[in-house]
């Protein structure tokens, strides 16, 4: 795994955390924050943790942002791009392993 992938993963986690916190998804924000904390502590399994919460019904991949029941178009576009980036980076980190 490259340090560049780790850095990009951390940056994307931080951006996703900010959007989730700002737009009423505190439970998901907390989970993303925890994964970032794992990574900062050197737990490379953080990528696996992300991949586990990403998929499936009700997973992070299905999260969308809204205000008063109205989807937030530009914010969801940004969040979707971050989710895609996080997924690709997590797979790359997982496949390369520590070192």
PDB file of N, CA and C in Angstrom:
ATOM      1  N   UNK A   1       0.853  -1.174   0.000  1.00  0.00           N
ATOM      2  CA  UNK A   1       0.000   0.000   0.000  1.00  0.00           C
ATOM      3  C   UNK A   1       0.886   1.219   0.000  1.00  0.00           C
ATOM      4  N   UNK A   2       0.498   2.205  -0.726  1.00  0.00           N
ATOM      5  CA  UNK A   2       1.338   3.393  -0.804  1.00  0.00           C
ATOM      6  C   UNK A   2       0.901   4.426   0.227  1.00  0.00           C
ATOM      7  N   UNK A   3       1.869   5.208   0.646  1.00  0.00           N
ATOM      8  CA  UNK A   3       1.558   6.295   1.580  1.00  0.00           C
ATOM      9  C   UNK A   3       0.609   7.286   0.932  1.00  0.00           C
ATOM     10  N   UNK A   4       0.719   7.418  -0.385  1.00  0.00           N
ATOM     11  CA  UNK A   4      -0.166   8.327  -1.109  1.00  0.00           C
ATOM     12  C   UNK A   4      -1.622   7.845  -1.022  1.00  0.00           C
ATOM     13  N   UNK A   5      -1.849   6.537  -1.161  1.00  0.00           N
ATOM     14  CA  UNK A   5      -3.202   5.992  -1.020  1.00  0.00           C
ATOM     15  C   UNK A   5      -3.741   6.241   0.385  1.00  0.00           C
ATOM     16  N   UNK A   6      -2.889   6.028   1.386  1.00  0.00           N
ATOM     17  CA  UNK A   6      -3.305   6.248   2.774  1.00  0.00           C
ATOM     18  C   UNK A   6      -3.676   7.709   2.979  1.00  0.00           C
ATOM     19  N   UNK A   7      -2.861   8.605   2.469  1.00  0.00           N
ATOM     20  CA  UNK A   7      -3.117  10.037   2.611  1.00  0.00           C
ATOM     21  C   UNK A   7      -4.418  10.437   1.914  1.00  0.00           C
ATOM     22  N   UNK A   8      -4.626   9.928   0.706  1.00  0.00           N
ATOM     23  CA  UNK A   8      -5.866  10.217  -0.027  1.00  0.00           C
ATOM     24  C   UNK A   8      -7.075   9.650   0.710  1.00  0.00           C
ATOM     25  N   UNK A   9      -6.927   8.447   1.264  1.00  0.00           N
ATOM     26  CA  UNK A   9      -8.008   7.809   2.017  1.00  0.00           C
ATOM     27  C   UNK A   9      -8.362   8.663   3.236  1.00  0.00           C
ATOM     28  N   UNK A  10      -7.349   9.110   3.959  1.00  0.00           N
ATOM     29  CA  UNK A  10      -7.584   9.970   5.131  1.00  0.00           C
ATOM     30  C   UNK A  10      -8.276  11.270   4.734  1.00  0.00           C
ATOM     31  N   UNK A  11      -7.814  11.901   3.659  1.00  0.00           N
ATOM     32  CA  UNK A  11      -8.417  13.155   3.200  1.00  0.00           C
ATOM     33  C   UNK A  11      -9.884  12.962   2.819  1.00  0.00           C
ATOM     34  N   UNK A  12     -10.172  11.894   2.093  1.00  0.00           N
ATOM     35  CA  UNK A  12     -11.550  11.629   1.674  1.00  0.00           C
ATOM     36  C   UNK A  12     -12.435  11.312   2.875  1.00  0.00           C
ATOM     37  N   UNK A  13     -11.901  10.579   3.858  1.00  0.00           N
ATOM     38  CA  UNK A  13     -12.659  10.309   5.082  1.00  0.00           C
ATOM     39  C   UNK A  13     -13.014  11.610   5.788  1.00  0.00           C
ATOM     40  N   UNK A  14     -12.059  12.512   5.878  1.00  0.00           N
ATOM     41  CA  UNK A  14     -12.281  13.792   6.548  1.00  0.00           C
ATOM     42  C   UNK A  14     -13.344  14.616   5.830  1.00  0.00           C
ATOM     43  N   UNK A  15     -13.287  14.650   4.507  1.00  0.00           N
ATOM     44  CA  UNK A  15     -14.284  15.393   3.733  1.00  0.00           C
ATOM     45  C   UNK A  15     -15.672  14.773   3.892  1.00  0.00           C
ATOM     46  N   UNK A  16     -15.741  13.451   3.833  1.00  0.00           N
ATOM     47  CA  UNK A  16     -17.028  12.771   4.011  1.00  0.00           C
ATOM     48  C   UNK A  16     -17.570  13.036   5.408  1.00  0.00           C
ATOM     49  N   UNK A  17     -16.699  12.968   6.404  1.00  0.00           N
ATOM     50  CA  UNK A  17     -17.106  13.259   7.781  1.00  0.00           C
ATOM     51  C   UNK A  17     -17.743  14.648   7.867  1.00  0.00           C
ATOM     52  N   UNK A  18     -17.099  15.642   7.271  1.00  0.00           N
ATOM     53  CA  UNK A  18     -17.618  17.005   7.311  1.00  0.00           C
ATOM     54  C   UNK A  18     -19.001  17.127   6.696  1.00  0.00           C
ATOM     55  N   UNK A  19     -19.192  16.526   5.537  1.00  0.00           N
ATOM     56  CA  UNK A  19     -20.508  16.568   4.886  1.00  0.00           C
ATOM     57  C   UNK A  19     -21.567  15.870   5.726  1.00  0.00           C
ATOM     58  N   UNK A  20     -21.229  14.699   6.225  1.00  0.00           N
ATOM     59  CA  UNK A  20     -22.189  13.935   7.021  1.00  0.00           C
ATOM     60  C   UNK A  20     -22.569  14.687   8.287  1.00  0.00           C
ATOM     61  N   UNK A  21     -21.594  15.275   8.941  1.00  0.00           N
ATOM     62  CA  UNK A  21     -21.843  16.029  10.165  1.00  0.00           C
ATOM     63  C   UNK A  21     -22.685  17.263   9.870  1.00  0.00           C
ATOM     64  N   UNK A  22     -22.356  17.959   8.809  1.00  0.00           N
ATOM     65  CA  UNK A  22     -23.038  19.205   8.462  1.00  0.00           C
ATOM     66  C   UNK A  22     -24.488  18.984   8.042  1.00  0.00           C
ATOM     67  N   UNK A  23     -24.758  17.854   7.398  1.00  0.00           N
ATOM     68  CA  UNK A  23     -26.082  17.657   6.820  1.00  0.00           C
ATOM     69  C   UNK A  23     -26.875  16.531   7.471  1.00  0.00           C
ATOM     70  N   UNK A  24     -26.760  16.413   8.785  1.00  0.00           N
ATOM     71  CA  UNK A  24     -27.685  15.598   9.557  1.00  0.00           C
ATOM     72  C   UNK A  24     -27.496  14.100   9.522  1.00  0.00           C
ATOM     73  N   UNK A  25     -26.277  13.639   9.382  1.00  0.00           N
ATOM     74  CA  UNK A  25     -25.997  12.202   9.426  1.00  0.00           C
ATOM     75  C   UNK A  25     -24.948  11.925  10.513  1.00  0.00           C
ATOM     76  N   UNK A  26     -25.262  12.258  11.780  1.00  0.00           N
ATOM     77  CA  UNK A  26     -24.253  12.133  12.838  1.00  0.00           C
ATOM     78  C   UNK A  26     -23.786  10.702  13.093  1.00  0.00           C
ATOM     79  N   UNK A  27     -24.651   9.723  12.924  1.00  0.00           N
ATOM     80  CA  UNK A  27     -24.240   8.330  13.164  1.00  0.00           C
ATOM     81  C   UNK A  27     -23.209   7.893  12.126  1.00  0.00           C
ATOM     82  N   UNK A  28     -23.449   8.243  10.866  1.00  0.00           N
ATOM     83  CA  UNK A  28     -22.481   7.904   9.825  1.00  0.00           C
ATOM     84  C   UNK A  28     -21.212   8.727   9.983  1.00  0.00           C
ATOM     85  N   UNK A  29     -21.358   9.985  10.371  1.00  0.00           N
ATOM     86  CA  UNK A  29     -20.175  10.823  10.605  1.00  0.00           C
ATOM     87  C   UNK A  29     -19.296  10.200  11.683  1.00  0.00           C
ATOM     88  N   UNK A  30     -19.919   9.728  12.744  1.00  0.00           N
ATOM     89  CA  UNK A  30     -19.165   9.102  13.836  1.00  0.00           C
ATOM     90  C   UNK A  30     -18.425   7.862  13.338  1.00  0.00           C
ATOM     91  N   UNK A  31     -19.085   7.052  12.544  1.00  0.00           N
ATOM     92  CA  UNK A  31     -18.475   5.817  12.042  1.00  0.00           C
ATOM     93  C   UNK A  31     -17.276   6.132  11.138  1.00  0.00           C
ATOM     94  N   UNK A  32     -17.434   7.114  10.273  1.00  0.00           N
ATOM     95  CA  UNK A  32     -16.340   7.518   9.388  1.00  0.00           C
ATOM     96  C   UNK A  32     -15.181   8.081  10.214  1.00  0.00           C
ATOM     97  N   UNK A  33     -15.499   8.862  11.236  1.00  0.00           N
ATOM     98  CA  UNK A  33     -14.477   9.415  12.130  1.00  0.00           C
ATOM     99  C   UNK A  33     -13.702   8.292  12.819  1.00  0.00           C
ATOM    100  N   UNK A  34     -14.421   7.264  13.269  1.00  0.00           N
ATOM    101  CA  UNK A  34     -13.778   6.124  13.933  1.00  0.00           C
ATOM    102  C   UNK A  34     -12.815   5.400  12.986  1.00  0.00           C
ATOM    103  N   UNK A  35     -13.210   5.247  11.744  1.00  0.00           N
ATOM    104  CA  UNK A  35     -12.334   4.591  10.765  1.00  0.00           C
ATOM    105  C   UNK A  35     -11.081   5.434  10.546  1.00  0.00           C
ATOM    106  N   UNK A  36     -11.241   6.741  10.452  1.00  0.00           N
ATOM    107  CA  UNK A  36     -10.086   7.623  10.336  1.00  0.00           C
ATOM    108  C   UNK A  36      -9.165   7.501  11.537  1.00  0.00           C
ATOM    109  N   UNK A  37      -9.747   7.371  12.714  1.00  0.00           N
ATOM    110  CA  UNK A  37      -8.954   7.185  13.924  1.00  0.00           C
ATOM    111  C   UNK A  37      -8.171   5.885  13.900  1.00  0.00           C
ATOM    112  N   UNK A  38      -8.804   4.820  13.414  1.00  0.00           N
ATOM    113  CA  UNK A  38      -8.105   3.533  13.287  1.00  0.00           C
ATOM    114  C   UNK A  38      -6.886   3.681  12.382  1.00  0.00           C
ATOM    115  N   UNK A  39      -7.080   4.368  11.286  1.00  0.00           N
ATOM    116  CA  UNK A  39      -6.001   4.544  10.315  1.00  0.00           C
ATOM    117  C   UNK A  39      -4.858   5.358  10.916  1.00  0.00           C
ATOM    118  N   UNK A  40      -5.195   6.425  11.627  1.00  0.00           N
ATOM    119  CA  UNK A  40      -4.162   7.260  12.250  1.00  0.00           C
ATOM    120  C   UNK A  40      -3.381   6.503  13.318  1.00  0.00           C
ATOM    121  N   UNK A  41      -4.029   5.530  13.952  1.00  0.00           N
ATOM    122  CA  UNK A  41      -3.363   4.724  14.974  1.00  0.00           C
ATOM    123  C   UNK A  41      -2.548   3.589  14.362  1.00  0.00           C
ATOM    124  N   UNK A  42      -2.526   3.519  13.035  1.00  0.00           N
ATOM    125  CA  UNK A  42      -1.734   2.498  12.366  1.00  0.00           C
ATOM    126  C   UNK A  42      -2.456   1.185  12.143  1.00  0.00           C
ATOM    127  N   UNK A  43      -3.766   1.171  12.333  1.00  0.00           N
ATOM    128  CA  UNK A  43      -4.549  -0.045  12.100  1.00  0.00           C
ATOM    129  C   UNK A  43      -4.943  -0.092  10.622  1.00  0.00           C
ATOM    130  N   UNK A  44      -4.149  -0.802   9.846  1.00  0.00           N
ATOM    131  CA  UNK A  44      -4.382  -0.845   8.405  1.00  0.00           C
ATOM    132  C   UNK A  44      -5.663  -1.591   8.061  1.00  0.00           C
ATOM    133  N   UNK A  45      -6.242  -2.281   9.043  1.00  0.00           N
ATOM    134  CA  UNK A  45      -7.517  -2.952   8.822  1.00  0.00           C
ATOM    135  C   UNK A  45      -8.662  -1.946   8.678  1.00  0.00           C
ATOM    136  N   UNK A  46      -8.363  -0.661   8.845  1.00  0.00           N
ATOM    137  CA  UNK A  46      -9.387   0.372   8.678  1.00  0.00           C
ATOM    138  C   UNK A  46     -10.018   0.293   7.289  1.00  0.00           C
ATOM    139  N   UNK A  47      -9.237  -0.072   6.283  1.00  0.00           N
ATOM    140  CA  UNK A  47      -9.784  -0.211   4.928  1.00  0.00           C
ATOM    141  C   UNK A  47     -10.824  -1.324   4.891  1.00  0.00           C
ATOM    142  N   UNK A  48     -10.547  -2.436   5.565  1.00  0.00           N
ATOM    143  CA  UNK A  48     -11.526  -3.528   5.643  1.00  0.00           C
ATOM    144  C   UNK A  48     -12.774  -3.084   6.387  1.00  0.00           C
ATOM    145  N   UNK A  49     -12.579  -2.325   7.453  1.00  0.00           N
ATOM    146  CA  UNK A  49     -13.722  -1.816   8.213  1.00  0.00           C
ATOM    147  C   UNK A  49     -14.598  -0.964   7.312  1.00  0.00           C
ATOM    148  N   UNK A  50     -13.975  -0.099   6.522  1.00  0.00           N
ATOM    149  CA  UNK A  50     -14.746   0.729   5.599  1.00  0.00           C
ATOM    150  C   UNK A  50     -15.512  -0.130   4.604  1.00  0.00           C
ATOM    151  N   UNK A  51     -14.847  -1.109   4.024  1.00  0.00           N
ATOM    152  CA  UNK A  51     -15.505  -1.964   3.031  1.00  0.00           C
ATOM    153  C   UNK A  51     -16.680  -2.722   3.635  1.00  0.00           C
ATOM    154  N   UNK A  52     -16.575  -3.104   4.905  1.00  0.00           N
ATOM    155  CA  UNK A  52     -17.684  -3.808   5.565  1.00  0.00           C
ATOM    156  C   UNK A  52     -18.903  -2.915   5.744  1.00  0.00           C
ATOM    157  N   UNK A  53     -18.700  -1.631   6.041  1.00  0.00           N
ATOM    158  CA  UNK A  53     -19.857  -0.753   6.251  1.00  0.00           C
ATOM    159  C   UNK A  53     -20.400  -0.193   4.940  1.00  0.00           C
ATOM    160  N   UNK A  54     -19.625  -0.316   3.865  1.00  0.00           N
ATOM    161  CA  UNK A  54     -20.003   0.296   2.592  1.00  0.00           C
ATOM    162  C   UNK A  54     -21.184  -0.409   1.927  1.00  0.00           C
ATOM    163  N   UNK A  55     -21.112  -1.707   1.830  1.00  0.00           N
ATOM    164  CA  UNK A  55     -22.072  -2.441   1.010  1.00  0.00           C
ATOM    165  C   UNK A  55     -23.311  -2.890   1.745  1.00  0.00           C
ATOM    166  N   UNK A  56     -24.202  -3.440   0.977  1.00  0.00           N
ATOM    167  CA  UNK A  56     -25.419  -4.023   1.522  1.00  0.00           C
ATOM    168  C   UNK A  56     -26.520  -3.002   1.750  1.00  0.00           C
ATOM    169  N   UNK A  57     -27.688  -3.536   2.025  1.00  0.00           N
ATOM    170  CA  UNK A  57     -28.846  -2.698   2.291  1.00  0.00           C
ATOM    171  C   UNK A  57     -28.612  -1.875   3.553  1.00  0.00           C
ATOM    172  N   UNK A  58     -28.775  -0.579   3.429  1.00  0.00           N
ATOM    173  CA  UNK A  58     -28.558   0.306   4.564  1.00  0.00           C
ATOM    174  C   UNK A  58     -27.104   0.639   4.817  1.00  0.00           C
ATOM    175  N   UNK A  59     -26.224   0.230   3.909  1.00  0.00           N
ATOM    176  CA  UNK A  59     -24.798   0.499   4.063  1.00  0.00           C
ATOM    177  C   UNK A  59     -24.443   1.928   3.684  1.00  0.00           C
ATOM    178  N   UNK A  60     -23.197   2.273   3.925  1.00  0.00           N
ATOM    179  CA  UNK A  60     -22.726   3.625   3.652  1.00  0.00           C
ATOM    180  C   UNK A  60     -22.892   4.004   2.181  1.00  0.00           C
ATOM    181  N   UNK A  61     -22.800   3.042   1.300  1.00  0.00           N
ATOM    182  CA  UNK A  61     -22.973   3.312  -0.121  1.00  0.00           C
ATOM    183  C   UNK A  61     -24.347   3.853  -0.473  1.00  0.00           C
ATOM    184  N   UNK A  62     -25.332   3.655   0.399  1.00  0.00           N
ATOM    185  CA  UNK A  62     -26.699   4.122   0.144  1.00  0.00           C
ATOM    186  C   UNK A  62     -27.041   5.438   0.840  1.00  0.00           C
ATOM    187  N   UNK A  63     -26.124   5.987   1.601  1.00  0.00           N
ATOM    188  CA  UNK A  63     -26.395   7.218   2.346  1.00  0.00           C
ATOM    189  C   UNK A  63     -26.576   8.386   1.388  1.00  0.00           C
ATOM    190  N   UNK A  64     -27.583   9.202   1.661  1.00  0.00           N
ATOM    191  CA  UNK A  64     -27.758  10.435   0.901  1.00  0.00           C
ATOM    192  C   UNK A  64     -28.116  11.547   1.872  1.00  0.00           C
ATOM    193  N   UNK A  65     -27.895  12.758   1.447  1.00  0.00           N
ATOM    194  CA  UNK A  65     -28.108  13.929   2.287  1.00  0.00           C
ATOM    195  C   UNK A  65     -29.381  14.640   1.869  1.00  0.00           C
ATOM    196  N   UNK A  66     -30.112  15.139   2.867  1.00  0.00           N
ATOM    197  CA  UNK A  66     -31.328  15.888   2.581  1.00  0.00           C
ATOM    198  C   UNK A  66     -31.536  16.942   3.660  1.00  0.00           C
ATOM    199  N   UNK A  67     -32.361  17.922   3.324  1.00  0.00           N
ATOM    200  CA  UNK A  67     -32.765  18.954   4.275  1.00  0.00           C
ATOM    201  C   UNK A  67     -34.277  19.059   4.203  1.00  0.00           C
ATOM    202  N   UNK A  68     -34.930  18.842   5.329  1.00  0.00           N
ATOM    203  CA  UNK A  68     -36.392  18.878   5.384  1.00  0.00           C
ATOM    204  C   UNK A  68     -37.020  17.940   4.358  1.00  0.00           C
ATOM    205  N   UNK A  69     -36.405  16.776   4.173  1.00  0.00           N
ATOM    206  CA  UNK A  69     -36.924  15.770   3.262  1.00  0.00           C
ATOM    207  C   UNK A  69     -36.594  15.995   1.798  1.00  0.00           C
ATOM    208  N   UNK A  70     -35.874  17.059   1.497  1.00  0.00           N
ATOM    209  CA  UNK A  70     -35.522  17.369   0.109  1.00  0.00           C
ATOM    210  C   UNK A  70     -34.054  17.001  -0.120  1.00  0.00           C
ATOM    211  N   UNK A  71     -33.783  16.100  -1.078  1.00  0.00           N
ATOM    212  CA  UNK A  71     -32.389  15.732  -1.359  1.00  0.00           C
ATOM    213  C   UNK A  71     -31.552  16.952  -1.750  1.00  0.00           C
ATOM    214  N   UNK A  72     -30.324  16.986  -1.276  1.00  0.00           N
ATOM    215  CA  UNK A  72     -29.396  18.077  -1.575  1.00  0.00           C
ATOM    216  C   UNK A  72     -28.523  17.658  -2.759  1.00  0.00           C
ATOM    217  N   UNK A  73     -28.857  18.150  -3.927  1.00  0.00           N
ATOM    218  CA  UNK A  73     -28.253  17.682  -5.174  1.00  0.00           C
ATOM    219  C   UNK A  73     -26.732  17.824  -5.208  1.00  0.00           C
ATOM    220  N   UNK A  74     -26.223  19.024  -5.047  1.00  0.00           N
ATOM    221  CA  UNK A  74     -24.769  19.213  -5.182  1.00  0.00           C
ATOM    222  C   UNK A  74     -24.008  18.519  -4.060  1.00  0.00           C
ATOM    223  N   UNK A  75     -24.568  18.528  -2.853  1.00  0.00           N
ATOM    224  CA  UNK A  75     -23.914  17.862  -1.727  1.00  0.00           C
ATOM    225  C   UNK A  75     -23.898  16.350  -1.921  1.00  0.00           C
ATOM    226  N   UNK A  76     -24.988  15.797  -2.471  1.00  0.00           N
ATOM    227  CA  UNK A  76     -25.023  14.360  -2.741  1.00  0.00           C
ATOM    228  C   UNK A  76     -24.068  13.977  -3.866  1.00  0.00           C
ATOM    229  N   UNK A  77     -23.925  14.842  -4.845  1.00  0.00           N
ATOM    230  CA  UNK A  77     -22.951  14.591  -5.906  1.00  0.00           C
ATOM    231  C   UNK A  77     -21.550  14.531  -5.314  1.00  0.00           C
ATOM    232  N   UNK A  78     -21.244  15.474  -4.428  1.00  0.00           N
ATOM    233  CA  UNK A  78     -19.932  15.485  -3.765  1.00  0.00           C
ATOM    234  C   UNK A  78     -19.749  14.247  -2.890  1.00  0.00           C
ATOM    235  N   UNK A  79     -20.782  13.895  -2.115  1.00  0.00           N
ATOM    236  CA  UNK A  79     -20.694  12.716  -1.254  1.00  0.00           C
ATOM    237  C   UNK A  79     -20.546  11.444  -2.088  1.00  0.00           C
ATOM    238  N   UNK A  80     -21.285  11.340  -3.183  1.00  0.00           N
ATOM    239  CA  UNK A  80     -21.168  10.157  -4.050  1.00  0.00           C
ATOM    240  C   UNK A  80     -19.752  10.013  -4.599  1.00  0.00           C
ATOM    241  N   UNK A  81     -19.155  11.130  -5.003  1.00  0.00           N
ATOM    242  CA  UNK A  81     -17.777  11.086  -5.508  1.00  0.00           C
ATOM    243  C   UNK A  81     -16.819  10.634  -4.406  1.00  0.00           C
ATOM    244  N   UNK A  82     -17.037  11.119  -3.191  1.00  0.00           N
ATOM    245  CA  UNK A  82     -16.197  10.705  -2.063  1.00  0.00           C
ATOM    246  C   UNK A  82     -16.385   9.227  -1.750  1.00  0.00           C
ATOM    247  N   UNK A  83     -17.628   8.755  -1.779  1.00  0.00           N
ATOM    248  CA  UNK A  83     -17.889   7.331  -1.518  1.00  0.00           C
ATOM    249  C   UNK A  83     -17.177   6.466  -2.550  1.00  0.00           C
ATOM    250  N   UNK A  84     -17.261   6.867  -3.820  1.00  0.00           N
ATOM    251  CA  UNK A  84     -16.572   6.114  -4.877  1.00  0.00           C
ATOM    252  C   UNK A  84     -15.063   6.109  -4.651  1.00  0.00           C
ATOM    253  N   UNK A  85     -14.510   7.282  -4.341  1.00  0.00           N
ATOM    254  CA  UNK A  85     -13.068   7.392  -4.106  1.00  0.00           C
ATOM    255  C   UNK A  85     -12.653   6.542  -2.906  1.00  0.00           C
ATOM    256  N   UNK A  86     -13.419   6.615  -1.828  1.00  0.00           N
ATOM    257  CA  UNK A  86     -13.108   5.831  -0.632  1.00  0.00           C
ATOM    258  C   UNK A  86     -13.146   4.337  -0.923  1.00  0.00           C
ATOM    259  N   UNK A  87     -14.126   3.901  -1.688  1.00  0.00           N
ATOM    260  CA  UNK A  87     -14.237   2.484  -2.017  1.00  0.00           C
ATOM    261  C   UNK A  87     -13.016   2.012  -2.805  1.00  0.00           C
ATOM    262  N   UNK A  88     -12.640   2.767  -3.830  1.00  0.00           N
ATOM    263  CA  UNK A  88     -11.483   2.397  -4.657  1.00  0.00           C
ATOM    264  C   UNK A  88     -10.209   2.383  -3.818  1.00  0.00           C
ATOM    265  N   UNK A  89     -10.014   3.405  -3.002  1.00  0.00           N
ATOM    266  CA  UNK A  89      -8.812   3.469  -2.166  1.00  0.00           C
ATOM    267  C   UNK A  89      -8.790   2.355  -1.127  1.00  0.00           C
ATOM    268  N   UNK A  90      -9.930   2.078  -0.512  1.00  0.00           N
ATOM    269  CA  UNK A  90      -9.991   1.005   0.493  1.00  0.00           C
ATOM    270  C   UNK A  90      -9.644  -0.338  -0.138  1.00  0.00           C
ATOM    271  N   UNK A  91     -10.147  -0.588  -1.338  1.00  0.00           N
ATOM    272  CA  UNK A  91      -9.812  -1.841  -2.040  1.00  0.00           C
ATOM    273  C   UNK A  91      -8.321  -1.910  -2.339  1.00  0.00           C
ATOM    274  N   UNK A  92      -7.754  -0.801  -2.775  1.00  0.00           N
ATOM    275  CA  UNK A  92      -6.328  -0.758  -3.082  1.00  0.00           C
ATOM    276  C   UNK A  92      -5.492  -1.018  -1.830  1.00  0.00           C
ATOM    277  N   UNK A  93      -5.853  -0.378  -0.743  1.00  0.00           N
ATOM    278  CA  UNK A  93      -5.128  -0.553   0.520  1.00  0.00           C
ATOM    279  C   UNK A  93      -5.254  -1.988   1.002  1.00  0.00           C
ATOM    280  N   UNK A  94      -6.459  -2.525   0.935  1.00  0.00           N
ATOM    281  CA  UNK A  94      -6.697  -3.904   1.380  1.00  0.00           C
ATOM    282  C   UNK A  94      -5.878  -4.889   0.548  1.00  0.00           C
ATOM    283  N   UNK A  95      -5.887  -4.704  -0.765  1.00  0.00           N
ATOM    284  CA  UNK A  95      -5.203  -5.642  -1.661  1.00  0.00           C
ATOM    285  C   UNK A  95      -3.687  -5.593  -1.532  1.00  0.00           C
ATOM    286  N   UNK A  96      -3.164  -4.442  -1.201  1.00  0.00           N
ATOM    287  CA  UNK A  96      -1.709  -4.310  -1.070  1.00  0.00           C
ATOM    288  C   UNK A  96      -1.214  -4.687   0.316  1.00  0.00           C
ATOM    289  N   UNK A  97      -2.073  -4.561   1.314  1.00  0.00           N
ATOM    290  CA  UNK A  97      -1.688  -4.916   2.677  1.00  0.00           C
ATOM    291  C   UNK A  97      -0.683  -3.951   3.270  1.00  0.00           C
ATOM    292  N   UNK A  98      -0.341  -4.153   4.549  1.00  0.00           N
ATOM    293  CA  UNK A  98       0.610  -3.256   5.215  1.00  0.00           C
ATOM    294  C   UNK A  98       2.003  -3.388   4.622  1.00  0.00           C
ATOM    295  N   UNK A  99       2.739  -2.294   4.726  1.00  0.00           N
ATOM    296  CA  UNK A  99       4.131  -2.349   4.312  1.00  0.00           C
ATOM    297  C   UNK A  99       4.478  -1.459   3.256  1.00  0.00           C
TER     298      UNK A  99
END
